[in-house]
């Protein structure tokens, strides 16, 4: 075998290995995407880092502020109506 034939064989082996690597890369990439969606890794990551709890606490605080505003608004309306009734009675 000449040096050129050996070189051609090595090139063919490297080409085959590179094609196999690309194939396995795409296979694992598709598998990774499917598992990421199926196992809902983004939600698990949010739970482990505390982001989910932080968001739910912020939502609860916002709702609490809105509820306080609604209660105060209701009290003001009730007292205003009572004052109007008192002035009408006089």
C-alpha atoms as a PDB file:
ATOM      1  CA  UNK A   1       0.000   0.000   0.000  1.00  0.00           C
ATOM      2  CA  UNK A   2       1.247   3.376  -0.859  1.00  0.00           C
ATOM      3  CA  UNK A   3       1.135   6.383   1.344  1.00  0.00           C
ATOM      4  CA  UNK A   4      -1.661   7.890  -0.742  1.00  0.00           C
ATOM      5  CA  UNK A   5      -3.896   4.834  -0.291  1.00  0.00           C
ATOM      6  CA  UNK A   6      -3.352   4.881   3.469  1.00  0.00           C
ATOM      7  CA  UNK A   7      -4.200   8.580   3.525  1.00  0.00           C
ATOM      8  CA  UNK A   8      -7.400   7.971   1.519  1.00  0.00           C
ATOM      9  CA  UNK A   9      -8.446   5.214   3.950  1.00  0.00           C
ATOM     10  CA  UNK A  10      -7.876   7.500   6.926  1.00  0.00           C
ATOM     11  CA  UNK A  11      -9.872  10.270   5.247  1.00  0.00           C
ATOM     12  CA  UNK A  12     -12.716   7.826   4.615  1.00  0.00           C
ATOM     13  CA  UNK A  13     -12.655   6.654   8.264  1.00  0.00           C
ATOM     14  CA  UNK A  14     -12.681  10.252   9.555  1.00  0.00           C
ATOM     15  CA  UNK A  15     -15.535  11.129   7.210  1.00  0.00           C
ATOM     16  CA  UNK A  16     -17.579   8.145   8.419  1.00  0.00           C
ATOM     17  CA  UNK A  17     -16.894   9.051  12.047  1.00  0.00           C
ATOM     18  CA  UNK A  18     -17.917  12.669  11.433  1.00  0.00           C
ATOM     19  CA  UNK A  19     -21.183  11.592   9.760  1.00  0.00           C
ATOM     20  CA  UNK A  20     -21.928   9.295  12.702  1.00  0.00           C
ATOM     21  CA  UNK A  21     -21.200  12.115  15.161  1.00  0.00           C
ATOM     22  CA  UNK A  22     -23.582  14.458  13.352  1.00  0.00           C
ATOM     23  CA  UNK A  23     -26.249  11.747  13.299  1.00  0.00           C
ATOM     24  CA  UNK A  24     -25.929  11.069  17.035  1.00  0.00           C
ATOM     25  CA  UNK A  25     -25.832  14.801  17.775  1.00  0.00           C
ATOM     26  CA  UNK A  26     -29.152  15.325  15.988  1.00  0.00           C
ATOM     27  CA  UNK A  27     -30.662  12.232  17.598  1.00  0.00           C
ATOM     28  CA  UNK A  28     -29.707  13.362  21.103  1.00  0.00           C
ATOM     29  CA  UNK A  29     -30.792  16.938  20.389  1.00  0.00           C
ATOM     30  CA  UNK A  30     -34.273  15.806  19.355  1.00  0.00           C
ATOM     31  CA  UNK A  31     -34.463  13.446  22.348  1.00  0.00           C
ATOM     32  CA  UNK A  32     -33.384  16.269  24.652  1.00  0.00           C
ATOM     33  CA  UNK A  33     -36.041  18.646  23.325  1.00  0.00           C
ATOM     34  CA  UNK A  34     -38.765  16.020  23.636  1.00  0.00           C
ATOM     35  CA  UNK A  35     -37.754  15.111  27.199  1.00  0.00           C
ATOM     36  CA  UNK A  36     -37.443  18.779  28.170  1.00  0.00           C
ATOM     37  CA  UNK A  37     -41.037  19.388  27.089  1.00  0.00           C
ATOM     38  CA  UNK A  38     -42.415  16.088  28.385  1.00  0.00           C
ATOM     39  CA  UNK A  39     -40.826  16.349  31.841  1.00  0.00           C
ATOM     40  CA  UNK A  40     -41.505  20.115  32.056  1.00  0.00           C
ATOM     41  CA  UNK A  41     -37.967  20.879  33.131  1.00  0.00           C
ATOM     42  CA  UNK A  42     -38.607  24.635  33.022  1.00  0.00           C
ATOM     43  CA  UNK A  43     -41.189  24.277  35.809  1.00  0.00           C
ATOM     44  CA  UNK A  44     -38.872  22.038  37.827  1.00  0.00           C
ATOM     45  CA  UNK A  45     -36.064  24.571  37.405  1.00  0.00           C
ATOM     46  CA  UNK A  46     -38.371  27.385  38.538  1.00  0.00           C
ATOM     47  CA  UNK A  47     -39.389  25.344  41.579  1.00  0.00           C
ATOM     48  CA  UNK A  48     -35.804  24.494  42.547  1.00  0.00           C
ATOM     49  CA  UNK A  49     -34.548  28.062  42.157  1.00  0.00           C
ATOM     50  CA  UNK A  50     -37.541  29.611  43.929  1.00  0.00           C
ATOM     51  CA  UNK A  51     -38.691  31.689  40.982  1.00  0.00           C
ATOM     52  CA  UNK A  52     -42.129  30.073  41.004  1.00  0.00           C
ATOM     53  CA  UNK A  53     -42.660  30.884  44.679  1.00  0.00           C
ATOM     54  CA  UNK A  54     -41.408  34.433  44.179  1.00  0.00           C
ATOM     55  CA  UNK A  55     -43.897  35.014  41.378  1.00  0.00           C
ATOM     56  CA  UNK A  56     -46.784  33.534  43.364  1.00  0.00           C
ATOM     57  CA  UNK A  57     -45.881  35.697  46.388  1.00  0.00           C
ATOM     58  CA  UNK A  58     -45.813  38.790  44.169  1.00  0.00           C
ATOM     59  CA  UNK A  59     -49.228  37.872  42.771  1.00  0.00           C
ATOM     60  CA  UNK A  60     -50.616  37.339  46.283  1.00  0.00           C
ATOM     61  CA  UNK A  61     -49.204  40.691  47.431  1.00  0.00           C
ATOM     62  CA  UNK A  62     -50.740  42.426  44.428  1.00  0.00           C
ATOM     63  CA  UNK A  63     -54.094  40.754  45.093  1.00  0.00           C
ATOM     64  CA  UNK A  64     -53.867  41.727  48.744  1.00  0.00           C
ATOM     65  CA  UNK A  65     -53.255  45.358  47.774  1.00  0.00           C
ATOM     66  CA  UNK A  66     -56.202  45.241  45.382  1.00  0.00           C
ATOM     67  CA  UNK A  67     -58.416  43.643  48.053  1.00  0.00           C
ATOM     68  CA  UNK A  68     -57.451  46.348  50.573  1.00  0.00           C
ATOM     69  CA  UNK A  69     -58.279  48.992  47.991  1.00  0.00           C
ATOM     70  CA  UNK A  70     -61.668  47.392  47.319  1.00  0.00           C
ATOM     71  CA  UNK A  71     -62.429  47.208  51.056  1.00  0.00           C
ATOM     72  CA  UNK A  72     -61.464  50.843  51.572  1.00  0.00           C
ATOM     73  CA  UNK A  73     -63.485  51.843  48.513  1.00  0.00           C
ATOM     74  CA  UNK A  74     -66.524  49.941  49.865  1.00  0.00           C
ATOM     75  CA  UNK A  75     -66.175  51.582  53.284  1.00  0.00           C
ATOM     76  CA  UNK A  76     -65.946  55.027  51.722  1.00  0.00           C
ATOM     77  CA  UNK A  77     -69.021  54.361  49.604  1.00  0.00           C
ATOM     78  CA  UNK A  78     -70.981  53.081  52.613  1.00  0.00           C
ATOM     79  CA  UNK A  79     -70.010  56.072  54.746  1.00  0.00           C
ATOM     80  CA  UNK A  80     -70.763  58.465  51.931  1.00  0.00           C
ATOM     81  CA  UNK A  81     -74.209  56.932  51.481  1.00  0.00           C
ATOM     82  CA  UNK A  82     -74.799  57.148  55.253  1.00  0.00           C
ATOM     83  CA  UNK A  83     -73.810  60.810  55.230  1.00  0.00           C
ATOM     84  CA  UNK A  84     -76.126  61.495  52.329  1.00  0.00           C
ATOM     85  CA  UNK A  85     -78.989  59.768  54.153  1.00  0.00           C
ATOM     86  CA  UNK A  86     -78.272  61.792  57.316  1.00  0.00           C
ATOM     87  CA  UNK A  87     -78.325  65.044  55.393  1.00  0.00           C
ATOM     88  CA  UNK A  88     -81.596  64.061  53.727  1.00  0.00           C
ATOM     89  CA  UNK A  89     -83.155  63.298  57.114  1.00  0.00           C
ATOM     90  CA  UNK A  90     -82.290  66.687  58.483  1.00  0.00           C
END
